[in-house]
Amino acid sequence: MHTSFWAVIAARADETPDTEMMADERGRRMTYGQYRDAAEKFAAHLADRGVGEGTVVTWQLPTWIESVVVVGALARLGAVQNPVMPIYRERELAFVTDQAASRLLIVPPVWRGFDYPAMAAAVAARNPALEVVVLDGAVRENGTSEGQASVDASSVDASSESVAPGVALPAGDPARLPPPPAIPDGPEQAPVRWYFYTSGTTADPKGARHTDATVMAGGTGMAERIACVPGDRVGLVFPFAHIGGCTTWLTSSVVFGVAMILTESFDPAATVELLRREGVTLAGAGTVFHQTYLAAQRRDPDRPLFPEVRCFPGGAAPKPPGLHAQMKKELGGVGIVAGWGLTEAPILTMAGVEDPDDALAAAEGRPTNGVRLRVVAPDGSDAAPGSEGELRAKGPQLMLGYLDPSLDAEAFDEDGWFRTGDLGRVDGAGNVFITGRLKDVIIRKGETISAKEVEDLLSGHPDVAEVAVIGLPDPATGERACAVVVAADPGTPPTLDALGEYLRGQGLMVQKLPERLEIVGTLPRNPAGKVLKKDLKERYA
């Protein structure tokens, strides 16, 4: 098992220094050798600023080549990395940097209309120990300008064919760097190197403590299952700060030689054209992205959208029944290969490129190497084979616990199994079927309704493009089911009666029929494509 991110980065650069590692939408490219050199130069700059082994560095950056270099630089120093999604705002950012005891905060300039430097300055003004680096040329301490430190990333010539090492980042002298951190003898000896925050069900974000070994175990398990090889090209279409980007797919790149196609924000037209132009072979990364690719192919059915595609990795959100078959038939490759995991335990299961279609269509893969799963009945006993229960896990990618240790007692059971909060079942071949969330149920007059069950059925209605089913308070029944629907044709949206008739025809019991319908233009999603049901509940409660 890999226990040091930097050791793997250095080994890949030594083995294939001139092989392309990544490309972006502006035509910039970087090889593995350039990546190592750029990371060392930025690491030297950070070392001059006092960053070393164990220093906590929070970074909130878009999906840029520079962001990937930041990860490499911090790995070279043995710092503790705390990636933060760009959607976080001042309250969450202040909480995270305070709890993590961050020493440095790295942010972009004004990006997509939001002033990240101003937010960082406000956070740092309340924390004298926090220093701010803005990747627009200015380094600030507690919001005070300290002079030029880097080149604006947007100033790089978009027509250039390659990126000179360190082009958009401040550089120090690598000769002054201390030796790389020692490579741990095994995963048990690996120190904590990552803090990943997840919203979960608590009021404040929860910080999961990971090592290089735990995060690379998730990425390695995924890459092995989908048979990644040098020459593969993955579309990194969701935020790099997500655990699936800066560790899972970066692992596939430095361990297996997979080139990354980066786009700083997903655009249904521009991103699809980028992936086509760059010869994507692994077109992720979840249901909303796959549906976009399918729609693009249908607009031009006579020209293959992605001629080189092998498969469509997925996860993060349920896939509607029938989507796999449509993708395979119309776009090619083996179709959707989905995985399942959490911030606390990335890529617990993954489908394989040689799995049968019935498994690819409905399951979320099989446990990856070293993962063990329990299916637990409501009374705490093991559920009968094939029965539904809460999925609990142990595995090499499991976090070491939360930064707030008081959360660990609820997260782990008495035998050390992680309570995922997901409901599911496992068939005789080991395929995992996610059936819902423990807390994503609707309790109507004591009857438990699985939101996912109703969603899966409604997704088959010809007038429904997308659907989310939520529970809303009801004084008479406790809760009522509300279907929030994106109509296939906005001019002729479905009615509640029509959906109810359709569900009855599918054999759904009357007690589970939605009692309210809301038609929307789009469903609110996080950057990884997951529907934000909390937002919908607040909107319609």
Protein backbone atom coordinates (compact mmCIF):
# COMPACT_ATOMS: atom_id res chain seq x y z
CA MET A 1 0.00 0.00 0.00
CA HIS A 2 1.22 3.51 -0.81
CA THR A 3 1.92 5.54 2.33
CA SER A 4 3.53 8.73 0.99
CA PHE A 5 1.97 10.95 -1.65
CA TRP A 6 5.25 12.70 -2.36
CA ALA A 7 7.14 9.45 -2.81
CA VAL A 8 4.63 8.38 -5.47
CA ILE A 9 4.77 11.77 -7.20
CA ALA A 10 8.57 11.64 -7.32
CA ALA A 11 8.59 8.05 -8.57
CA ARG A 12 6.18 8.84 -11.39
CA ALA A 13 8.24 11.89 -12.43
CA ASP A 14 11.40 9.77 -12.48
CA GLU A 15 9.72 7.05 -14.53
CA THR A 16 7.85 9.15 -17.11
CA PRO A 17 9.09 12.76 -16.85
CA ASP A 18 7.99 13.78 -20.35
CA THR A 19 4.52 12.21 -20.27
CA GLU A 20 1.60 14.61 -20.09
CA MET A 21 -0.02 14.70 -16.65
CA MET A 22 -2.73 17.31 -17.15
CA ALA A 23 -4.28 19.79 -19.54
CA ASP A 24 -6.87 22.51 -19.06
CA GLU A 25 -9.48 24.39 -21.06
CA ARG A 26 -7.02 27.17 -21.93
CA GLY A 27 -4.71 24.78 -23.75
CA ARG A 28 -2.10 24.67 -20.99
CA ARG A 29 -0.31 21.38 -20.38
CA MET A 30 2.07 19.99 -17.79
CA THR A 31 4.19 16.84 -17.77
CA TYR A 32 5.03 14.76 -14.72
CA GLY A 33 8.57 16.11 -14.70
CA GLN A 34 7.33 19.69 -14.87
CA TYR A 35 4.85 18.94 -12.12
CA ARG A 36 7.51 17.66 -9.73
CA ASP A 37 9.75 20.66 -10.45
CA ALA A 38 6.92 23.17 -10.04
CA ALA A 39 5.83 21.56 -6.78
CA GLU A 40 9.37 21.71 -5.38
CA LYS A 41 9.77 25.36 -6.31
CA PHE A 42 6.51 26.35 -4.64
CA ALA A 43 7.38 24.12 -1.69
CA ALA A 44 10.63 26.05 -1.31
CA HIS A 45 8.69 29.31 -1.24
CA LEU A 46 6.34 27.94 1.42
CA ALA A 47 9.29 26.62 3.43
CA ASP A 48 10.77 30.12 3.40
CA ARG A 49 7.50 31.25 4.95
CA GLY A 50 7.75 28.71 7.75
CA VAL A 51 5.63 25.87 6.37
CA GLY A 52 7.05 22.48 7.25
CA GLU A 53 6.11 18.98 8.31
CA GLY A 54 2.86 19.06 10.27
CA THR A 55 1.96 22.68 9.42
CA VAL A 56 -1.77 22.93 8.71
CA VAL A 57 -2.49 24.70 5.43
CA THR A 58 -6.06 25.38 4.30
CA TRP A 59 -6.52 25.93 0.57
CA GLN A 60 -9.68 27.00 -1.20
CA LEU A 61 -8.96 26.92 -4.91
CA PRO A 62 -10.74 26.18 -8.20
CA THR A 63 -9.83 23.26 -10.44
CA TRP A 64 -6.62 24.77 -11.81
CA ILE A 65 -3.25 23.35 -12.74
CA GLU A 66 -1.88 25.62 -10.00
CA SER A 67 -4.13 23.91 -7.45
CA VAL A 68 -2.65 20.54 -8.35
CA VAL A 69 0.82 22.03 -7.90
CA VAL A 70 -0.17 23.33 -4.46
CA VAL A 71 -1.07 19.77 -3.43
CA GLY A 72 2.29 18.49 -4.61
CA ALA A 73 4.17 21.25 -2.82
CA LEU A 74 2.42 20.61 0.48
CA ALA A 75 3.03 16.86 0.09
CA ARG A 76 6.72 17.57 -0.48
CA LEU A 77 6.87 19.44 2.83
CA GLY A 78 4.77 16.94 4.78
CA ALA A 79 2.24 19.64 5.67
CA VAL A 80 -1.30 18.83 6.74
CA GLN A 81 -3.56 19.78 3.85
CA ASN A 82 -7.07 21.08 4.43
CA PRO A 83 -8.84 21.44 1.07
CA VAL A 84 -12.00 23.55 1.25
CA MET A 85 -14.66 23.65 -1.44
CA PRO A 86 -15.00 27.02 -3.20
CA ILE A 87 -18.68 27.19 -2.19
CA TYR A 88 -17.73 27.68 1.50
CA ARG A 89 -18.32 31.18 2.78
CA GLU A 90 -17.09 33.16 5.76
CA ARG A 91 -18.91 31.33 8.55
CA GLU A 92 -17.84 27.87 7.39
CA LEU A 93 -14.31 29.00 6.47
CA ALA A 94 -13.79 30.65 9.85
CA PHE A 95 -15.01 27.53 11.64
CA VAL A 96 -12.77 25.23 9.60
CA THR A 97 -9.57 27.28 9.90
CA ASP A 98 -10.14 27.74 13.62
CA GLN A 99 -10.85 24.09 14.41
CA ALA A 100 -8.03 22.86 12.16
CA ALA A 101 -5.61 25.39 13.71
CA SER A 102 -4.59 26.47 10.22
CA ARG A 103 -1.35 28.42 9.91
CA LEU A 104 -1.82 29.40 6.25
CA LEU A 105 -4.87 30.02 4.05
CA ILE A 106 -4.45 29.96 0.25
CA VAL A 107 -7.25 31.45 -1.85
CA PRO A 108 -7.79 32.59 -5.45
CA PRO A 109 -8.40 36.16 -6.56
CA VAL A 110 -11.96 37.31 -7.27
CA TRP A 111 -13.39 34.28 -9.07
CA ARG A 112 -16.82 33.80 -10.61
CA GLY A 113 -17.89 37.10 -9.12
CA PHE A 114 -16.94 36.32 -5.52
CA ASP A 115 -14.23 38.18 -3.59
CA TYR A 116 -12.22 35.39 -1.94
CA PRO A 117 -9.41 37.73 -0.79
CA ALA A 118 -11.92 39.90 1.10
CA MET A 119 -13.45 36.86 2.77
CA ALA A 120 -10.01 35.50 3.68
CA ALA A 121 -9.02 38.86 5.14
CA ALA A 122 -12.15 38.93 7.27
CA VAL A 123 -11.44 35.43 8.58
CA ALA A 124 -7.77 36.23 9.25
CA ALA A 125 -8.65 39.48 11.03
CA ARG A 126 -10.19 37.37 13.81
CA ASN A 127 -7.27 34.92 13.92
CA PRO A 128 -3.80 36.45 14.52
CA ALA A 129 -2.10 33.10 13.81
CA LEU A 130 -3.54 32.79 10.30
CA GLU A 131 -1.62 34.06 7.28
CA VAL A 132 -3.29 34.51 3.89
CA VAL A 133 -1.81 33.85 0.45
CA VAL A 134 -3.81 35.10 -2.54
CA LEU A 135 -2.77 33.59 -5.85
CA ASP A 136 -3.11 36.86 -7.73
CA GLY A 137 0.28 38.29 -6.95
CA ALA A 138 -0.30 39.45 -3.40
CA VAL A 139 0.61 37.69 -0.18
CA ARG A 140 -1.25 39.04 2.81
CA GLU A 141 -0.85 38.57 6.53
CA ASN A 142 -4.11 39.20 8.40
CA GLY A 143 -5.40 41.03 5.34
CA THR A 144 -2.40 43.35 4.92
CA SER A 145 -0.59 43.46 1.56
CA GLU A 146 2.97 42.21 1.66
CA GLY A 147 4.10 42.56 -1.93
CA GLN A 148 4.14 40.52 -5.09
CA ALA A 149 4.37 36.77 -4.72
CA SER A 150 2.85 35.12 -7.77
CA VAL A 151 1.60 35.61 -11.30
CA ASP A 152 -2.13 35.82 -11.91
CA ALA A 153 -3.15 32.41 -13.23
CA SER A 154 -5.36 34.04 -15.84
CA SER A 155 -2.39 35.86 -17.36
CA VAL A 156 -0.94 32.72 -18.93
CA ASP A 157 -1.26 32.70 -22.71
CA ALA A 158 -4.19 30.42 -23.49
CA SER A 159 -2.64 29.43 -26.78
CA SER A 160 0.55 28.10 -25.24
CA GLU A 161 1.24 24.42 -25.73
CA SER A 162 2.94 23.88 -22.40
CA VAL A 163 3.29 25.36 -18.95
CA ALA A 164 6.70 26.29 -17.65
CA PRO A 165 7.20 24.94 -14.12
CA GLY A 166 6.00 27.41 -11.52
CA VAL A 167 4.57 29.84 -14.08
CA ALA A 168 1.72 31.04 -11.87
CA LEU A 169 3.08 30.40 -8.40
CA PRO A 170 5.83 32.03 -6.32
CA ALA A 171 9.07 30.07 -6.49
CA GLY A 172 11.83 29.44 -4.01
CA ASP A 173 15.13 27.62 -4.36
CA PRO A 174 14.56 23.84 -4.16
CA ALA A 175 18.19 23.41 -3.12
CA ARG A 176 17.27 24.91 0.24
CA LEU A 177 14.46 22.43 0.87
CA PRO A 178 14.80 20.02 3.77
CA PRO A 179 14.76 16.31 2.90
CA PRO A 180 11.33 14.89 2.01
CA PRO A 181 9.34 13.43 4.92
CA ALA A 182 10.29 9.87 5.78
CA ILE A 183 8.23 7.18 4.08
CA PRO A 184 6.21 5.32 6.75
CA ASP A 185 6.92 1.61 7.11
CA GLY A 186 3.24 0.82 6.77
CA PRO A 187 -0.23 2.40 6.76
CA GLU A 188 -0.50 2.13 10.54
CA GLN A 189 2.55 4.38 10.93
CA ALA A 190 1.38 6.98 8.39
CA PRO A 191 0.81 10.39 10.02
CA VAL A 192 -2.31 12.47 9.46
CA ARG A 193 -1.74 14.59 6.35
CA TRP A 194 -5.29 15.60 5.36
CA TYR A 195 -8.34 17.24 6.93
CA PHE A 196 -11.47 16.93 4.78
CA TYR A 197 -14.68 18.61 5.89
CA THR A 198 -18.16 17.35 5.19
CA SER A 199 -21.48 18.96 6.06
CA GLY A 200 -23.27 15.81 7.14
CA THR A 201 -26.14 16.17 9.60
CA THR A 202 -24.48 18.39 12.19
CA ALA A 203 -24.82 22.17 12.34
CA ASP A 204 -21.09 22.68 11.77
CA PRO A 205 -18.91 20.91 9.19
CA LYS A 206 -17.20 17.73 10.37
CA GLY A 207 -13.48 17.36 9.77
CA ALA A 208 -12.30 13.87 8.80
CA ARG A 209 -8.66 13.07 9.57
CA HIS A 210 -6.89 11.15 6.80
CA THR A 211 -3.38 9.94 6.04
CA ASP A 212 -1.72 9.63 2.65
CA ALA A 213 -2.30 5.90 3.00
CA THR A 214 -6.06 6.18 3.58
CA VAL A 215 -6.76 8.57 0.72
CA MET A 216 -4.53 6.72 -1.74
CA ALA A 217 -6.18 3.43 -0.82
CA GLY A 218 -9.49 4.79 -2.08
CA GLY A 219 -7.99 6.06 -5.32
CA THR A 220 -6.00 2.89 -5.93
CA GLY A 221 -9.02 0.67 -5.36
CA MET A 222 -11.06 2.67 -7.85
CA ALA A 223 -8.34 2.73 -10.50
CA GLU A 224 -7.69 -1.01 -10.21
CA ARG A 225 -11.38 -1.83 -10.60
CA ILE A 226 -11.81 0.24 -13.78
CA ALA A 227 -8.46 -0.97 -15.14
CA CYS A 228 -6.72 2.39 -15.42
CA VAL A 229 -3.59 2.39 -17.61
CA PRO A 230 -1.14 4.96 -18.97
CA GLY A 231 -2.85 6.71 -21.86
CA ASP A 232 -6.19 6.97 -20.08
CA ARG A 233 -7.55 10.50 -19.87
CA VAL A 234 -10.06 11.42 -17.18
CA GLY A 235 -12.36 14.42 -17.22
CA LEU A 236 -12.02 16.19 -13.86
CA VAL A 237 -15.32 18.03 -14.12
CA PHE A 238 -16.10 18.57 -10.42
CA PRO A 239 -14.16 20.62 -7.85
CA PHE A 240 -10.57 19.54 -7.35
CA ALA A 241 -10.93 20.41 -3.65
CA HIS A 242 -13.39 17.50 -3.29
CA ILE A 243 -11.79 14.36 -1.87
CA GLY A 244 -12.58 12.67 -5.18
CA GLY A 245 -10.39 15.17 -7.03
CA CYS A 246 -7.33 16.08 -5.04
CA THR A 247 -6.71 12.56 -3.76
CA THR A 248 -8.74 9.95 -5.64
CA TRP A 249 -8.12 11.05 -9.23
CA LEU A 250 -4.72 12.50 -8.43
CA THR A 251 -3.80 9.05 -7.11
CA SER A 252 -4.94 7.49 -10.38
CA SER A 253 -2.69 9.96 -12.18
CA VAL A 254 0.53 9.56 -10.23
CA VAL A 255 0.17 5.82 -9.57
CA PHE A 256 -1.35 4.63 -12.86
CA GLY A 257 -0.33 7.35 -15.31
CA VAL A 258 -3.84 8.66 -16.02
CA ALA A 259 -3.80 12.17 -17.53
CA MET A 260 -6.28 14.66 -16.07
CA ILE A 261 -8.39 17.05 -18.16
CA LEU A 262 -9.15 20.01 -15.90
CA THR A 263 -11.97 22.51 -16.20
CA GLU A 264 -12.42 25.18 -13.55
CA SER A 265 -16.22 25.04 -13.78
CA PHE A 266 -18.54 22.65 -15.55
CA ASP A 267 -20.31 24.06 -18.59
CA PRO A 268 -22.65 21.78 -20.56
CA ALA A 269 -21.36 23.01 -23.91
CA ALA A 270 -17.76 24.07 -23.33
CA THR A 271 -16.84 21.17 -21.05
CA VAL A 272 -18.26 18.56 -23.40
CA GLU A 273 -16.26 20.06 -26.26
CA LEU A 274 -13.12 20.14 -24.09
CA LEU A 275 -13.47 16.44 -23.25
CA ARG A 276 -14.09 15.60 -26.89
CA ARG A 277 -11.08 17.62 -28.04
CA GLU A 278 -8.80 16.09 -25.39
CA GLY A 279 -9.79 12.49 -26.18
CA VAL A 280 -11.40 11.58 -22.86
CA THR A 281 -11.44 7.86 -22.07
CA LEU A 282 -12.92 8.05 -18.55
CA ALA A 283 -15.88 10.45 -18.68
CA GLY A 284 -17.12 11.02 -15.14
CA ALA A 285 -18.24 11.92 -12.71
CA GLY A 286 -21.86 11.29 -11.76
CA THR A 287 -25.47 11.24 -12.85
CA VAL A 288 -25.92 14.92 -13.68
CA PHE A 289 -22.75 14.87 -15.80
CA HIS A 290 -23.71 11.65 -17.55
CA GLN A 291 -27.13 13.04 -18.39
CA THR A 292 -25.44 16.10 -19.89
CA TYR A 293 -23.24 13.91 -22.09
CA LEU A 294 -26.24 11.87 -23.21
CA ALA A 295 -28.18 15.01 -24.14
CA ALA A 296 -25.19 16.31 -26.13
CA GLN A 297 -24.88 13.03 -28.02
CA ARG A 298 -28.58 13.09 -28.86
CA ARG A 299 -28.24 16.56 -30.35
CA ASP A 300 -25.68 15.18 -32.81
CA PRO A 301 -26.40 11.43 -33.03
CA ASP A 302 -24.38 10.80 -36.19
CA ARG A 303 -21.03 11.89 -34.68
CA PRO A 304 -19.60 9.97 -31.68
CA LEU A 305 -19.32 12.42 -28.81
CA PHE A 306 -16.32 10.74 -27.16
CA PRO A 307 -14.77 8.33 -29.69
CA GLU A 308 -12.09 7.09 -27.27
CA VAL A 309 -14.30 6.60 -24.20
CA ARG A 310 -13.91 3.35 -22.25
CA CYS A 311 -16.40 3.95 -19.45
CA PHE A 312 -18.29 6.55 -17.46
CA PRO A 313 -17.19 6.52 -13.80
CA GLY A 314 -19.93 7.62 -11.45
CA GLY A 315 -20.92 8.08 -7.86
CA ALA A 316 -22.02 10.78 -5.37
CA ALA A 317 -25.65 10.57 -6.49
CA PRO A 318 -28.10 7.79 -7.44
CA LYS A 319 -28.42 6.89 -11.11
CA PRO A 320 -31.92 6.53 -12.57
CA PRO A 321 -32.93 3.08 -13.81
CA GLY A 322 -32.17 2.76 -17.49
CA LEU A 323 -29.43 5.39 -17.64
CA HIS A 324 -26.63 2.83 -17.88
CA ALA A 325 -28.22 1.07 -20.86
CA GLN A 326 -28.81 4.38 -22.63
CA MET A 327 -25.23 5.53 -22.06
CA LYS A 328 -23.75 2.26 -23.30
CA LYS A 329 -25.95 2.11 -26.39
CA GLU A 330 -25.66 5.74 -27.46
CA LEU A 331 -22.22 6.81 -26.21
CA GLY A 332 -20.24 3.58 -26.30
CA GLY A 333 -17.80 2.00 -23.92
CA VAL A 334 -19.01 -0.29 -21.18
CA GLY A 335 -21.45 2.29 -19.81
CA ILE A 336 -21.58 3.58 -16.23
CA VAL A 337 -19.16 2.12 -13.68
CA ALA A 338 -20.34 3.50 -10.37
CA GLY A 339 -18.74 3.59 -6.95
CA TRP A 340 -19.84 4.39 -3.43
CA GLY A 341 -18.03 6.04 -0.60
CA LEU A 342 -17.99 8.98 1.76
CA THR A 343 -15.59 11.74 2.74
CA GLU A 344 -14.80 9.63 5.78
CA ALA A 345 -14.12 6.54 3.64
CA PRO A 346 -13.69 7.27 -0.09
CA ILE A 347 -14.44 4.58 -2.70
CA LEU A 348 -15.56 1.73 -0.50
CA THR A 349 -17.05 -0.02 -3.52
CA MET A 350 -16.47 0.27 -7.26
CA ALA A 351 -17.92 -1.39 -10.31
CA GLY A 352 -15.57 -3.07 -12.76
CA VAL A 353 -15.34 -2.69 -16.51
CA GLU A 354 -16.00 -6.40 -16.92
CA ASP A 355 -19.08 -6.51 -14.66
CA PRO A 356 -22.37 -7.68 -16.23
CA ASP A 357 -24.83 -5.04 -17.39
CA ASP A 358 -27.47 -5.86 -14.78
CA ALA A 359 -24.96 -5.11 -12.02
CA LEU A 360 -23.66 -1.95 -13.72
CA ALA A 361 -27.21 -0.68 -14.18
CA ALA A 362 -28.36 -0.94 -10.58
CA ALA A 363 -25.45 -1.58 -8.21
CA GLU A 364 -22.64 0.63 -6.92
CA GLY A 365 -19.94 -1.95 -7.44
CA ARG A 366 -18.27 -4.41 -5.09
CA PRO A 367 -16.01 -3.73 -2.10
CA THR A 368 -12.53 -2.68 -3.19
CA ASN A 369 -9.37 -4.38 -1.92
CA GLY A 370 -9.37 -4.71 1.88
CA VAL A 371 -12.89 -3.35 2.44
CA ARG A 372 -15.30 -5.26 4.67
CA LEU A 373 -19.00 -4.44 4.93
CA ARG A 374 -21.73 -5.30 7.41
CA VAL A 375 -25.43 -4.93 6.70
CA VAL A 376 -27.05 -4.14 10.04
CA ALA A 377 -30.73 -4.57 10.89
CA PRO A 378 -32.56 -1.94 12.99
CA ASP A 379 -32.00 -4.02 16.15
CA GLY A 380 -28.22 -3.99 15.62
CA SER A 381 -27.95 -7.60 14.44
CA ASP A 382 -26.61 -8.66 11.05
CA ALA A 383 -29.35 -8.50 8.45
CA ALA A 384 -30.28 -11.67 6.59
CA PRO A 385 -28.36 -12.22 3.33
CA GLY A 386 -29.78 -9.99 0.63
CA SER A 387 -31.84 -7.96 3.08
CA GLU A 388 -31.72 -4.21 3.55
CA GLY A 389 -29.93 -2.61 6.47
CA GLU A 390 -27.47 0.10 7.39
CA LEU A 391 -24.10 -0.39 5.72
CA ARG A 392 -21.16 -0.31 8.11
CA ALA A 393 -17.58 -0.49 6.93
CA LYS A 394 -13.96 -1.18 7.73
CA GLY A 395 -11.18 -0.70 5.22
CA PRO A 396 -7.79 0.82 4.41
CA GLN A 397 -9.40 4.11 3.25
CA LEU A 398 -11.28 4.69 6.50
CA MET A 399 -10.46 7.96 8.27
CA LEU A 400 -8.73 7.98 11.65
CA GLY A 401 -11.65 9.84 13.22
CA TYR A 402 -12.89 13.42 13.32
CA LEU A 403 -11.02 16.51 14.43
CA ASP A 404 -13.74 16.84 17.05
CA PRO A 405 -13.32 13.51 18.86
CA SER A 406 -16.72 13.85 20.52
CA LEU A 407 -18.25 12.93 17.14
CA ASP A 408 -16.46 9.58 16.98
CA ALA A 409 -18.74 7.75 19.40
CA GLU A 410 -21.71 8.19 17.10
CA ALA A 411 -19.67 7.54 13.94
CA PHE A 412 -18.28 4.15 15.01
CA ASP A 413 -20.06 1.27 16.69
CA GLU A 414 -18.68 -0.62 19.66
CA ASP A 415 -16.70 -2.95 17.40
CA GLY A 416 -15.06 -0.18 15.39
CA TRP A 417 -17.28 -0.38 12.30
CA PHE A 418 -17.98 2.98 10.66
CA ARG A 419 -21.67 3.79 10.49
CA THR A 420 -22.11 5.11 6.94
CA GLY A 421 -25.73 6.16 7.41
CA ASP A 422 -26.56 4.59 4.04
CA LEU A 423 -29.13 1.86 3.66
CA GLY A 424 -28.39 -0.95 1.26
CA ARG A 425 -28.16 -4.62 0.51
CA VAL A 426 -25.45 -6.91 -0.86
CA ASP A 427 -26.19 -9.69 -3.33
CA GLY A 428 -24.47 -13.05 -3.60
CA ALA A 429 -21.82 -11.69 -5.97
CA GLY A 430 -20.90 -8.91 -3.54
CA ASN A 431 -22.60 -6.13 -5.48
CA VAL A 432 -23.78 -3.30 -3.25
CA PHE A 433 -27.18 -1.71 -3.87
CA ILE A 434 -27.79 1.60 -2.11
CA THR A 435 -31.47 1.84 -1.21
CA GLY A 436 -31.50 5.16 0.64
CA ARG A 437 -30.24 7.07 3.63
CA LEU A 438 -31.19 6.31 7.21
CA LYS A 439 -32.36 9.91 7.47
CA ASP A 440 -33.69 10.21 3.91
CA VAL A 441 -37.01 8.65 4.72
CA ILE A 442 -40.47 10.08 5.13
CA ILE A 443 -42.52 8.97 8.13
CA ARG A 444 -46.24 9.26 7.25
CA LYS A 445 -48.65 8.04 9.93
CA GLY A 446 -45.93 5.72 11.17
CA GLU A 447 -45.31 4.30 7.68
CA THR A 448 -41.69 4.60 6.50
CA ILE A 449 -41.36 5.76 2.89
CA SER A 450 -38.03 5.48 1.11
CA ALA A 451 -37.47 8.65 -0.91
CA LYS A 452 -35.18 6.76 -3.29
CA GLU A 453 -37.80 4.12 -4.04
CA VAL A 454 -40.30 6.76 -5.17
CA GLU A 455 -37.61 8.69 -7.06
CA ASP A 456 -36.51 5.59 -8.98
CA LEU A 457 -40.07 4.91 -10.10
CA LEU A 458 -40.84 8.51 -11.03
CA SER A 459 -37.64 8.79 -13.08
CA GLY A 460 -39.21 6.33 -15.52
CA HIS A 461 -42.14 8.64 -16.29
CA PRO A 462 -41.73 10.16 -19.78
CA ASP A 463 -42.65 13.65 -18.55
CA VAL A 464 -40.04 13.63 -15.77
CA ALA A 465 -36.46 14.71 -16.54
CA GLU A 466 -35.25 14.81 -12.93
CA VAL A 467 -36.91 14.30 -9.57
CA ALA A 468 -36.19 14.59 -5.86
CA VAL A 469 -38.65 13.37 -3.24
CA ILE A 470 -38.58 15.10 0.14
CA GLY A 471 -40.56 14.92 3.36
CA LEU A 472 -42.42 18.03 4.50
CA PRO A 473 -44.09 18.61 7.88
CA ASP A 474 -47.81 17.83 8.03
CA PRO A 475 -49.91 18.41 11.18
CA ALA A 476 -52.18 15.46 10.44
CA THR A 477 -49.79 12.80 9.16
CA GLY A 478 -46.46 13.90 10.61
CA GLU A 479 -44.87 14.18 7.17
CA ARG A 480 -46.03 14.17 3.59
CA ALA A 481 -44.08 13.24 0.48
CA CYS A 482 -43.40 16.04 -1.96
CA ALA A 483 -42.07 15.34 -5.45
CA VAL A 484 -39.87 18.13 -6.82
CA VAL A 485 -39.77 17.60 -10.57
CA VAL A 486 -37.86 19.02 -13.52
CA ALA A 487 -40.22 18.51 -16.45
CA ALA A 488 -38.99 16.87 -19.63
CA ASP A 489 -40.99 19.52 -21.51
CA PRO A 490 -41.39 22.70 -19.45
CA GLY A 491 -44.40 23.62 -21.56
CA THR A 492 -46.35 20.52 -20.50
CA PRO A 493 -45.31 19.58 -16.97
CA PRO A 494 -46.84 16.49 -15.38
CA THR A 495 -49.67 16.82 -12.87
CA LEU A 496 -49.81 15.29 -9.41
CA ASP A 497 -52.72 13.09 -10.46
CA ALA A 498 -50.84 11.83 -13.50
CA LEU A 499 -47.79 10.94 -11.42
CA GLY A 500 -49.96 9.20 -8.83
CA GLU A 501 -51.69 7.14 -11.51
CA TYR A 502 -48.31 6.19 -12.97
CA LEU A 503 -46.95 5.11 -9.57
CA ARG A 504 -50.03 3.02 -8.84
CA GLY A 505 -49.47 1.35 -12.19
CA GLN A 506 -45.95 0.53 -11.07
CA GLY A 507 -47.36 -1.24 -8.01
CA LEU A 508 -46.50 1.40 -5.41
CA MET A 509 -48.71 1.30 -2.33
CA VAL A 510 -51.10 4.26 -1.98
CA GLN A 511 -49.55 5.37 1.33
CA LYS A 512 -46.28 6.12 -0.48
CA LEU A 513 -47.75 8.33 -3.22
CA PRO A 514 -46.53 11.94 -3.21
CA GLU A 515 -49.17 14.31 -1.86
CA ARG A 516 -47.56 17.44 -3.25
CA LEU A 517 -45.84 18.35 -6.51
CA GLU A 518 -43.47 21.22 -7.20
CA ILE A 519 -42.20 21.93 -10.73
CA VAL A 520 -38.76 23.54 -10.93
CA GLY A 521 -36.37 24.50 -13.71
CA THR A 522 -33.38 22.85 -12.05
CA LEU A 523 -32.65 20.94 -8.88
CA PRO A 524 -30.15 22.54 -6.50
CA ARG A 525 -26.94 20.53 -6.43
CA ASN A 526 -23.55 20.74 -4.81
CA PRO A 527 -20.52 20.89 -7.12
CA ALA A 528 -20.19 17.09 -7.07
CA GLY A 529 -23.72 16.75 -8.48
CA LYS A 530 -25.58 15.68 -5.34
CA VAL A 531 -29.08 17.11 -4.92
CA LEU A 532 -29.31 19.49 -1.95
CA LYS A 533 -32.48 18.19 -0.35
CA LYS A 534 -31.96 20.40 2.68
CA ASP A 535 -32.38 23.44 0.43
CA LEU A 536 -35.56 22.00 -1.05
CA LYS A 537 -37.02 21.26 2.37
CA GLU A 538 -36.30 24.80 3.53
CA ARG A 539 -37.86 26.20 0.36
CA TYR A 540 -41.09 24.22 0.53
CA ALA A 541 -41.62 23.56 4.25
